[in-house]
Every structure is written in structure tokens, then in C-alpha cells.
Amino acid sequence: MMMRCGYVIIAVCVILAMISWKLTLCAVLGIAITSTGMKTFWVKTFNLGKEIQEKKAGCTEVSEEAISNCRTVKAFACEMDEKKKF
């Protein structure tokens, strides 16, 4: 599949070059510049996504600790009621 795509790209470039070499050069340069920009954008987006995941993990850790502490506080708040029941 990859070989066939490569052959098609080469054939298209040859046909375009026969029609207009200037237009072919502009198209190839445009594709190269766009591809480079997209790769840079993808890398930055990937790194930002990783950073967001780490921040979310930190928030989850803090919230889990706070919730477990609330349960502990509630248990101690009800200690007097438990003593009365006993």
C-alpha cells in the first residue's frame, strides 16, 4: 500500500512538472511548509495534553484526600452519638 502511494505521488509530481515546473515547485514547497507547521503544532499539542493530564491527576489526588478527610471528620463528629447509643 505504501509503495503504491509513493508511486502515485512520484507520478503526479512528474506529470505536474511536465505541465508547469514552477507550479510544481510552489506546490511541493507549500506542502513541505504546511507539513512542518503541522508537525510543530502536533508536538506542542501533545506536550500540552500531557501537562493537562498531569494537572488533572494532581487535582484528583487532592480531591480524594479531601473527601477521605471529610469522612474521617464525620466519623469523629458522630462519636458522641455512638457513645450515647452504646
PDB file of N, CA and C in Angstrom:
ATOM      1  N   MET A   1       0.829  -1.193   0.000  1.00  0.00           N
ATOM      2  CA  MET A   1       0.000   0.000   0.000  1.00  0.00           C
ATOM      3  C   MET A   1       0.871   1.254   0.000  1.00  0.00           C
ATOM      4  N   MET A   2       1.900   1.238   0.866  1.00  0.00           N
ATOM      5  CA  MET A   2       2.775   2.400   0.972  1.00  0.00           C
ATOM      6  C   MET A   2       3.557   2.610  -0.329  1.00  0.00           C
ATOM      7  N   MET A   3       3.969   1.511  -0.952  1.00  0.00           N
ATOM      8  CA  MET A   3       4.716   1.611  -2.214  1.00  0.00           C
ATOM      9  C   MET A   3       3.832   2.198  -3.309  1.00  0.00           C
ATOM     10  N   ARG A   4       2.569   1.774  -3.343  1.00  0.00           N
ATOM     11  CA  ARG A   4       1.661   2.271  -4.368  1.00  0.00           C
ATOM     12  C   ARG A   4       1.430   3.776  -4.199  1.00  0.00           C
ATOM     13  N   CYS A   5       1.260   4.207  -2.951  1.00  0.00           N
ATOM     14  CA  CYS A   5       1.089   5.644  -2.690  1.00  0.00           C
ATOM     15  C   CYS A   5       2.332   6.424  -3.107  1.00  0.00           C
ATOM     16  N   GLY A   6       3.488   5.863  -2.839  1.00  0.00           N
ATOM     17  CA  GLY A   6       4.736   6.518  -3.238  1.00  0.00           C
ATOM     18  C   GLY A   6       4.839   6.649  -4.757  1.00  0.00           C
ATOM     19  N   TYR A   7       4.451   5.580  -5.465  1.00  0.00           N
ATOM     20  CA  TYR A   7       4.479   5.632  -6.927  1.00  0.00           C
ATOM     21  C   TYR A   7       3.499   6.671  -7.462  1.00  0.00           C
ATOM     22  N   VAL A   8       2.340   6.744  -6.854  1.00  0.00           N
ATOM     23  CA  VAL A   8       1.335   7.722  -7.294  1.00  0.00           C
ATOM     24  C   VAL A   8       1.849   9.141  -7.075  1.00  0.00           C
ATOM     25  N   ILE A   9       2.450   9.400  -5.927  1.00  0.00           N
ATOM     26  CA  ILE A   9       2.976  10.739  -5.632  1.00  0.00           C
ATOM     27  C   ILE A   9       4.071  11.117  -6.626  1.00  0.00           C
ATOM     28  N   ILE A  10       4.963  10.179  -6.911  1.00  0.00           N
ATOM     29  CA  ILE A  10       6.035  10.446  -7.877  1.00  0.00           C
ATOM     30  C   ILE A  10       5.458  10.698  -9.266  1.00  0.00           C
ATOM     31  N   ALA A  11       4.481   9.883  -9.680  1.00  0.00           N
ATOM     32  CA  ALA A  11       3.873  10.052 -10.996  1.00  0.00           C
ATOM     33  C   ALA A  11       3.172  11.412 -11.106  1.00  0.00           C
ATOM     34  N   VAL A  12       2.461  11.792 -10.065  1.00  0.00           N
ATOM     35  CA  VAL A  12       1.767  13.081 -10.073  1.00  0.00           C
ATOM     36  C   VAL A  12       2.771  14.223 -10.172  1.00  0.00           C
ATOM     37  N   CYS A  13       3.866  14.133  -9.411  1.00  0.00           N
ATOM     38  CA  CYS A  13       4.889  15.184  -9.462  1.00  0.00           C
ATOM     39  C   CYS A  13       5.518  15.277 -10.851  1.00  0.00           C
ATOM     40  N   VAL A  14       5.760  14.139 -11.492  1.00  0.00           N
ATOM     41  CA  VAL A  14       6.341  14.139 -12.846  1.00  0.00           C
ATOM     42  C   VAL A  14       5.368  14.771 -13.843  1.00  0.00           C
ATOM     43  N   ILE A  15       4.104  14.399 -13.759  1.00  0.00           N
ATOM     44  CA  ILE A  15       3.109  14.956 -14.677  1.00  0.00           C
ATOM     45  C   ILE A  15       2.972  16.460 -14.451  1.00  0.00           C
ATOM     46  N   LEU A  16       2.928  16.869 -13.187  1.00  0.00           N
ATOM     47  CA  LEU A  16       2.847  18.296 -12.883  1.00  0.00           C
ATOM     48  C   LEU A  16       4.077  19.041 -13.393  1.00  0.00           C
ATOM     49  N   ALA A  17       5.248  18.434 -13.248  1.00  0.00           N
ATOM     50  CA  ALA A  17       6.475  19.077 -13.704  1.00  0.00           C
ATOM     51  C   ALA A  17       6.470  19.244 -15.227  1.00  0.00           C
ATOM     52  N   MET A  18       5.878  18.273 -15.933  1.00  0.00           N
ATOM     53  CA  MET A  18       5.795  18.397 -17.387  1.00  0.00           C
ATOM     54  C   MET A  18       4.836  19.521 -17.781  1.00  0.00           C
ATOM     55  N   ILE A  19       3.799  19.721 -17.004  1.00  0.00           N
ATOM     56  CA  ILE A  19       2.836  20.778 -17.317  1.00  0.00           C
ATOM     57  C   ILE A  19       3.424  22.144 -16.969  1.00  0.00           C
ATOM     58  N   SER A  20       3.867  22.284 -15.688  1.00  0.00           N
ATOM     59  CA  SER A  20       4.433  23.568 -15.254  1.00  0.00           C
ATOM     60  C   SER A  20       5.380  23.313 -14.091  1.00  0.00           C
ATOM     61  N   TRP A  21       6.674  23.465 -14.325  1.00  0.00           N
ATOM     62  CA  TRP A  21       7.643  23.187 -13.270  1.00  0.00           C
ATOM     63  C   TRP A  21       7.559  24.224 -12.152  1.00  0.00           C
ATOM     64  N   LYS A  22       7.168  25.455 -12.479  1.00  0.00           N
ATOM     65  CA  LYS A  22       7.045  26.495 -11.459  1.00  0.00           C
ATOM     66  C   LYS A  22       5.900  26.182 -10.493  1.00  0.00           C
ATOM     67  N   LEU A  23       4.785  25.761 -11.075  1.00  0.00           N
ATOM     68  CA  LEU A  23       3.632  25.410 -10.246  1.00  0.00           C
ATOM     69  C   LEU A  23       3.940  24.187  -9.384  1.00  0.00           C
ATOM     70  N   THR A  24       4.647  23.227  -9.943  1.00  0.00           N
ATOM     71  CA  THR A  24       5.046  22.037  -9.193  1.00  0.00           C
ATOM     72  C   THR A  24       5.940  22.420  -8.023  1.00  0.00           C
ATOM     73  N   LEU A  25       6.894  23.301  -8.269  1.00  0.00           N
ATOM     74  CA  LEU A  25       7.797  23.752  -7.213  1.00  0.00           C
ATOM     75  C   LEU A  25       7.021  24.455  -6.097  1.00  0.00           C
ATOM     76  N   CYS A  26       6.077  25.313  -6.475  1.00  0.00           N
ATOM     77  CA  CYS A  26       5.254  26.007  -5.470  1.00  0.00           C
ATOM     78  C   CYS A  26       4.426  25.013  -4.654  1.00  0.00           C
ATOM     79  N   ALA A  27       3.846  24.034  -5.331  1.00  0.00           N
ATOM     80  CA  ALA A  27       3.015  23.046  -4.639  1.00  0.00           C
ATOM     81  C   ALA A  27       3.844  22.212  -3.668  1.00  0.00           C
ATOM     82  N   VAL A  28       5.009  21.749  -4.102  1.00  0.00           N
ATOM     83  CA  VAL A  28       5.863  20.932  -3.235  1.00  0.00           C
ATOM     84  C   VAL A  28       6.359  21.747  -2.041  1.00  0.00           C
ATOM     85  N   LEU A  29       6.766  22.994  -2.278  1.00  0.00           N
ATOM     86  CA  LEU A  29       7.206  23.848  -1.168  1.00  0.00           C
ATOM     87  C   LEU A  29       6.055  24.137  -0.200  1.00  0.00           C
ATOM     88  N   GLY A  30       4.871  24.372  -0.750  1.00  0.00           N
ATOM     89  CA  GLY A  30       3.706  24.620   0.097  1.00  0.00           C
ATOM     90  C   GLY A  30       3.378  23.419   0.973  1.00  0.00           C
ATOM     91  N   ILE A  31       3.442  22.242   0.397  1.00  0.00           N
ATOM     92  CA  ILE A  31       3.180  21.016   1.161  1.00  0.00           C
ATOM     93  C   ILE A  31       4.241  20.820   2.237  1.00  0.00           C
ATOM     94  N   ALA A  32       5.504  21.071   1.893  1.00  0.00           N
ATOM     95  CA  ALA A  32       6.588  20.911   2.872  1.00  0.00           C
ATOM     96  C   ALA A  32       6.429  21.883   4.037  1.00  0.00           C
ATOM     97  N   ILE A  33       6.123  23.135   3.730  1.00  0.00           N
ATOM     98  CA  ILE A  33       5.962  24.144   4.791  1.00  0.00           C
ATOM     99  C   ILE A  33       4.761  23.801   5.674  1.00  0.00           C
ATOM    100  N   THR A  34       3.649  23.407   5.046  1.00  0.00           N
ATOM    101  CA  THR A  34       2.453  23.052   5.801  1.00  0.00           C
ATOM    102  C   THR A  34       2.717  21.837   6.689  1.00  0.00           C
ATOM    103  N   SER A  35       3.401  20.845   6.152  1.00  0.00           N
ATOM    104  CA  SER A  35       3.703  19.636   6.934  1.00  0.00           C
ATOM    105  C   SER A  35       4.577  19.964   8.138  1.00  0.00           C
ATOM    106  N   THR A  36       5.565  20.818   7.945  1.00  0.00           N
ATOM    107  CA  THR A  36       6.438  21.215   9.046  1.00  0.00           C
ATOM    108  C   THR A  36       5.647  21.958  10.114  1.00  0.00           C
ATOM    109  N   GLY A  37       4.786  22.868   9.685  1.00  0.00           N
ATOM    110  CA  GLY A  37       3.958  23.600  10.639  1.00  0.00           C
ATOM    111  C   GLY A  37       3.019  22.688  11.403  1.00  0.00           C
ATOM    112  N   MET A  38       2.420  21.734  10.715  1.00  0.00           N
ATOM    113  CA  MET A  38       1.502  20.802  11.369  1.00  0.00           C
ATOM    114  C   MET A  38       2.237  19.912  12.370  1.00  0.00           C
ATOM    115  N   LYS A  39       3.456  19.493  12.023  1.00  0.00           N
ATOM    116  CA  LYS A  39       4.218  18.656  12.948  1.00  0.00           C
ATOM    117  C   LYS A  39       4.553  19.451  14.210  1.00  0.00           C
ATOM    118  N   THR A  40       4.962  20.705  14.045  1.00  0.00           N
ATOM    119  CA  THR A  40       5.266  21.558  15.199  1.00  0.00           C
ATOM    120  C   THR A  40       4.024  21.746  16.061  1.00  0.00           C
ATOM    121  N   PHE A  41       2.890  22.011  15.420  1.00  0.00           N
ATOM    122  CA  PHE A  41       1.642  22.184  16.140  1.00  0.00           C
ATOM    123  C   PHE A  41       1.264  20.914  16.888  1.00  0.00           C
ATOM    124  N   TRP A  42       1.435  19.740  16.249  1.00  0.00           N
ATOM    125  CA  TRP A  42       1.086  18.466  16.864  1.00  0.00           C
ATOM    126  C   TRP A  42       1.952  18.204  18.091  1.00  0.00           C
ATOM    127  N   VAL A  43       3.247  18.484  17.991  1.00  0.00           N
ATOM    128  CA  VAL A  43       4.153  18.256  19.123  1.00  0.00           C
ATOM    129  C   VAL A  43       3.761  19.149  20.298  1.00  0.00           C
ATOM    130  N   LYS A  44       3.467  20.429  20.020  1.00  0.00           N
ATOM    131  CA  LYS A  44       3.065  21.334  21.095  1.00  0.00           C
ATOM    132  C   LYS A  44       1.747  20.891  21.718  1.00  0.00           C
ATOM    133  N   THR A  45       0.802  20.454  20.885  1.00  0.00           N
ATOM    134  CA  THR A  45      -0.484  19.985  21.388  1.00  0.00           C
ATOM    135  C   THR A  45      -0.308  18.731  22.236  1.00  0.00           C
ATOM    136  N   PHE A  46       0.551  17.830  21.798  1.00  0.00           N
ATOM    137  CA  PHE A  46       0.809  16.599  22.547  1.00  0.00           C
ATOM    138  C   PHE A  46       1.403  16.925  23.920  1.00  0.00           C
ATOM    139  N   ASN A  47       2.388  17.816  23.950  1.00  0.00           N
ATOM    140  CA  ASN A  47       3.013  18.191  25.220  1.00  0.00           C
ATOM    141  C   ASN A  47       2.021  18.894  26.137  1.00  0.00           C
ATOM    142  N   LEU A  48       1.176  19.742  25.574  1.00  0.00           N
ATOM    143  CA  LEU A  48       0.169  20.437  26.368  1.00  0.00           C
ATOM    144  C   LEU A  48      -0.846  19.445  26.934  1.00  0.00           C
ATOM    145  N   GLY A  49      -1.243  18.474  26.141  1.00  0.00           N
ATOM    146  CA  GLY A  49      -2.167  17.438  26.612  1.00  0.00           C
ATOM    147  C   GLY A  49      -1.574  16.630  27.753  1.00  0.00           C
ATOM    148  N   LYS A  50      -0.293  16.324  27.640  1.00  0.00           N
ATOM    149  CA  LYS A  50       0.392  15.596  28.706  1.00  0.00           C
ATOM    150  C   LYS A  50       0.402  16.410  29.997  1.00  0.00           C
ATOM    151  N   GLU A  51       0.689  17.702  29.871  1.00  0.00           N
ATOM    152  CA  GLU A  51       0.729  18.588  31.034  1.00  0.00           C
ATOM    153  C   GLU A  51      -0.660  18.693  31.678  1.00  0.00           C
ATOM    154  N   ILE A  52      -1.687  18.769  30.862  1.00  0.00           N
ATOM    155  CA  ILE A  52      -3.057  18.839  31.385  1.00  0.00           C
ATOM    156  C   ILE A  52      -3.401  17.566  32.140  1.00  0.00           C
ATOM    157  N   GLN A  53      -3.016  16.415  31.603  1.00  0.00           N
ATOM    158  CA  GLN A  53      -3.276  15.146  32.287  1.00  0.00           C
ATOM    159  C   GLN A  53      -2.595  15.097  33.649  1.00  0.00           C
ATOM    160  N   GLU A  54      -1.356  15.593  33.711  1.00  0.00           N
ATOM    161  CA  GLU A  54      -0.644  15.602  34.984  1.00  0.00           C
ATOM    162  C   GLU A  54      -1.319  16.515  35.992  1.00  0.00           C
ATOM    163  N   LYS A  55      -1.797  17.676  35.527  1.00  0.00           N
ATOM    164  CA  LYS A  55      -2.501  18.604  36.424  1.00  0.00           C
ATOM    165  C   LYS A  55      -3.806  17.986  36.919  1.00  0.00           C
ATOM    166  N   LYS A  56      -4.516  17.287  36.027  1.00  0.00           N
ATOM    167  CA  LYS A  56      -5.759  16.635  36.424  1.00  0.00           C
ATOM    168  C   LYS A  56      -5.495  15.542  37.466  1.00  0.00           C
ATOM    169  N   ALA A  57      -4.393  14.835  37.284  1.00  0.00           N
ATOM    170  CA  ALA A  57      -4.034  13.795  38.247  1.00  0.00           C
ATOM    171  C   ALA A  57      -3.769  14.413  39.619  1.00  0.00           C
ATOM    172  N   GLY A  58      -3.093  15.555  39.639  1.00  0.00           N
ATOM    173  CA  GLY A  58      -2.835  16.242  40.906  1.00  0.00           C
ATOM    174  C   GLY A  58      -4.129  16.708  41.563  1.00  0.00           C
ATOM    175  N   CYS A  59      -5.048  17.245  40.768  1.00  0.00           N
ATOM    176  CA  CYS A  59      -6.340  17.684  41.307  1.00  0.00           C
ATOM    177  C   CYS A  59      -7.128  16.506  41.859  1.00  0.00           C
ATOM    178  N   THR A  60      -7.092  15.391  41.157  1.00  0.00           N
ATOM    179  CA  THR A  60      -7.804  14.199  41.617  1.00  0.00           C
ATOM    180  C   THR A  60      -7.232  13.711  42.933  1.00  0.00           C
ATOM    181  N   GLU A  61      -5.925  13.730  43.043  1.00  0.00           N
ATOM    182  CA  GLU A  61      -5.277  13.291  44.281  1.00  0.00           C
ATOM    183  C   GLU A  61      -5.699  14.171  45.458  1.00  0.00           C
ATOM    184  N   VAL A  62      -5.699  15.484  45.243  1.00  0.00           N
ATOM    185  CA  VAL A  62      -6.082  16.408  46.313  1.00  0.00           C
ATOM    186  C   VAL A  62      -7.545  16.219  46.688  1.00  0.00           C
ATOM    187  N   SER A  63      -8.413  16.063  45.680  1.00  0.00           N
ATOM    188  CA  SER A  63      -9.839  15.908  45.984  1.00  0.00           C
ATOM    189  C   SER A  63     -10.120  14.584  46.696  1.00  0.00           C
ATOM    190  N   GLU A  64      -9.448  13.505  46.315  1.00  0.00           N
ATOM    191  CA  GLU A  64      -9.630  12.229  47.004  1.00  0.00           C
ATOM    192  C   GLU A  64      -9.209  12.341  48.465  1.00  0.00           C
ATOM    193  N   GLU A  65      -8.104  13.016  48.707  1.00  0.00           N
ATOM    194  CA  GLU A  65      -7.641  13.199  50.080  1.00  0.00           C
ATOM    195  C   GLU A  65      -8.640  14.030  50.877  1.00  0.00           C
ATOM    196  N   ALA A  66      -9.182  15.081  50.258  1.00  0.00           N
ATOM    197  CA  ALA A  66     -10.147  15.934  50.956  1.00  0.00           C
ATOM    198  C   ALA A  66     -11.420  15.163  51.271  1.00  0.00           C
ATOM    199  N   ILE A  67     -11.876  14.350  50.337  1.00  0.00           N
ATOM    200  CA  ILE A  67     -13.097  13.571  50.571  1.00  0.00           C
ATOM    201  C   ILE A  67     -12.876  12.546  51.675  1.00  0.00           C
ATOM    202  N   SER A  68     -11.732  11.879  51.665  1.00  0.00           N
ATOM    203  CA  SER A  68     -11.467  10.903  52.719  1.00  0.00           C
ATOM    204  C   SER A  68     -11.345  11.589  54.073  1.00  0.00           C
ATOM    205  N   ASN A  69     -10.780  12.806  54.094  1.00  0.00           N
ATOM    206  CA  ASN A  69     -10.703  13.551  55.355  1.00  0.00           C
ATOM    207  C   ASN A  69     -12.082  13.969  55.828  1.00  0.00           C
ATOM    208  N   CYS A  70     -12.986  14.284  54.906  1.00  0.00           N
ATOM    209  CA  CYS A  70     -14.365  14.625  55.295  1.00  0.00           C
ATOM    210  C   CYS A  70     -15.026  13.430  55.966  1.00  0.00           C
ATOM    211  N   ARG A  71     -14.796  12.240  55.440  1.00  0.00           N
ATOM    212  CA  ARG A  71     -15.377  11.033  56.050  1.00  0.00           C
ATOM    213  C   ARG A  71     -14.826  10.829  57.457  1.00  0.00           C
ATOM    214  N   THR A  72     -13.533  11.076  57.609  1.00  0.00           N
ATOM    215  CA  THR A  72     -12.919  10.923  58.928  1.00  0.00           C
ATOM    216  C   THR A  72     -13.504  11.930  59.910  1.00  0.00           C
ATOM    217  N   VAL A  73     -13.658  13.164  59.471  1.00  0.00           N
ATOM    218  CA  VAL A  73     -14.221  14.202  60.339  1.00  0.00           C
ATOM    219  C   VAL A  73     -15.655  13.861  60.701  1.00  0.00           C
ATOM    220  N   LYS A  74     -16.425  13.370  59.746  1.00  0.00           N
ATOM    221  CA  LYS A  74     -17.810  12.984  60.036  1.00  0.00           C
ATOM    222  C   LYS A  74     -17.850  11.843  61.041  1.00  0.00           C
ATOM    223  N   ALA A  75     -16.941  10.911  60.912  1.00  0.00           N
ATOM    224  CA  ALA A  75     -16.905   9.788  61.849  1.00  0.00           C
ATOM    225  C   ALA A  75     -16.612  10.283  63.262  1.00  0.00           C
ATOM    226  N   PHE A  76     -15.676  11.222  63.419  1.00  0.00           N
ATOM    227  CA  PHE A  76     -15.369  11.753  64.738  1.00  0.00           C
ATOM    228  C   PHE A  76     -16.484  12.648  65.253  1.00  0.00           C
ATOM    229  N   ALA A  77     -17.212  13.313  64.371  1.00  0.00           N
ATOM    230  CA  ALA A  77     -18.316  14.171  64.787  1.00  0.00           C
ATOM    231  C   ALA A  77     -19.463  13.332  65.347  1.00  0.00           C
ATOM    232  N   CYS A  78     -19.614  12.136  64.852  1.00  0.00           N
ATOM    233  CA  CYS A  78     -20.689  11.258  65.314  1.00  0.00           C
ATOM    234  C   CYS A  78     -20.258  10.387  66.484  1.00  0.00           C
ATOM    235  N   GLU A  79     -19.068  10.600  66.992  1.00  0.00           N
ATOM    236  CA  GLU A  79     -18.554   9.764  68.073  1.00  0.00           C
ATOM    237  C   GLU A  79     -19.419   9.889  69.321  1.00  0.00           C
ATOM    238  N   MET A  80     -19.873  11.087  69.622  1.00  0.00           N
ATOM    239  CA  MET A  80     -20.699  11.288  70.817  1.00  0.00           C
ATOM    240  C   MET A  80     -22.028  10.558  70.665  1.00  0.00           C
ATOM    241  N   ASP A  81     -22.601  10.573  69.469  1.00  0.00           N
ATOM    242  CA  ASP A  81     -23.854   9.860  69.245  1.00  0.00           C
ATOM    243  C   ASP A  81     -23.653   8.349  69.434  1.00  0.00           C
ATOM    244  N   GLU A  82     -22.557   7.857  68.986  1.00  0.00           N
ATOM    245  CA  GLU A  82     -22.253   6.432  69.143  1.00  0.00           C
ATOM    246  C   GLU A  82     -22.074   6.065  70.610  1.00  0.00           C
ATOM    247  N   LYS A  83     -21.444   6.972  71.371  1.00  0.00           N
ATOM    248  CA  LYS A  83     -21.275   6.726  72.809  1.00  0.00           C
ATOM    249  C   LYS A  83     -22.631   6.677  73.498  1.00  0.00           C
ATOM    250  N   LYS A  84     -23.543   7.579  73.080  1.00  0.00           N
ATOM    251  CA  LYS A  84     -24.873   7.600  73.676  1.00  0.00           C
ATOM    252  C   LYS A  84     -25.643   6.320  73.340  1.00  0.00           C
ATOM    253  N   LYS A  85     -25.470   5.835  72.100  1.00  0.00           N
ATOM    254  CA  LYS A  85     -26.142   4.616  71.687  1.00  0.00           C
ATOM    255  C   LYS A  85     -25.622   3.428  72.480  1.00  0.00           C
ATOM    256  N   PHE A  86     -24.315   3.480  72.779  1.00  0.00           N
ATOM    257  CA  PHE A  86     -23.692   2.373  73.494  1.00  0.00           C
ATOM    258  C   PHE A  86     -24.214   2.351  74.907  1.00  0.00           C
TER     259      PHE A  86
END
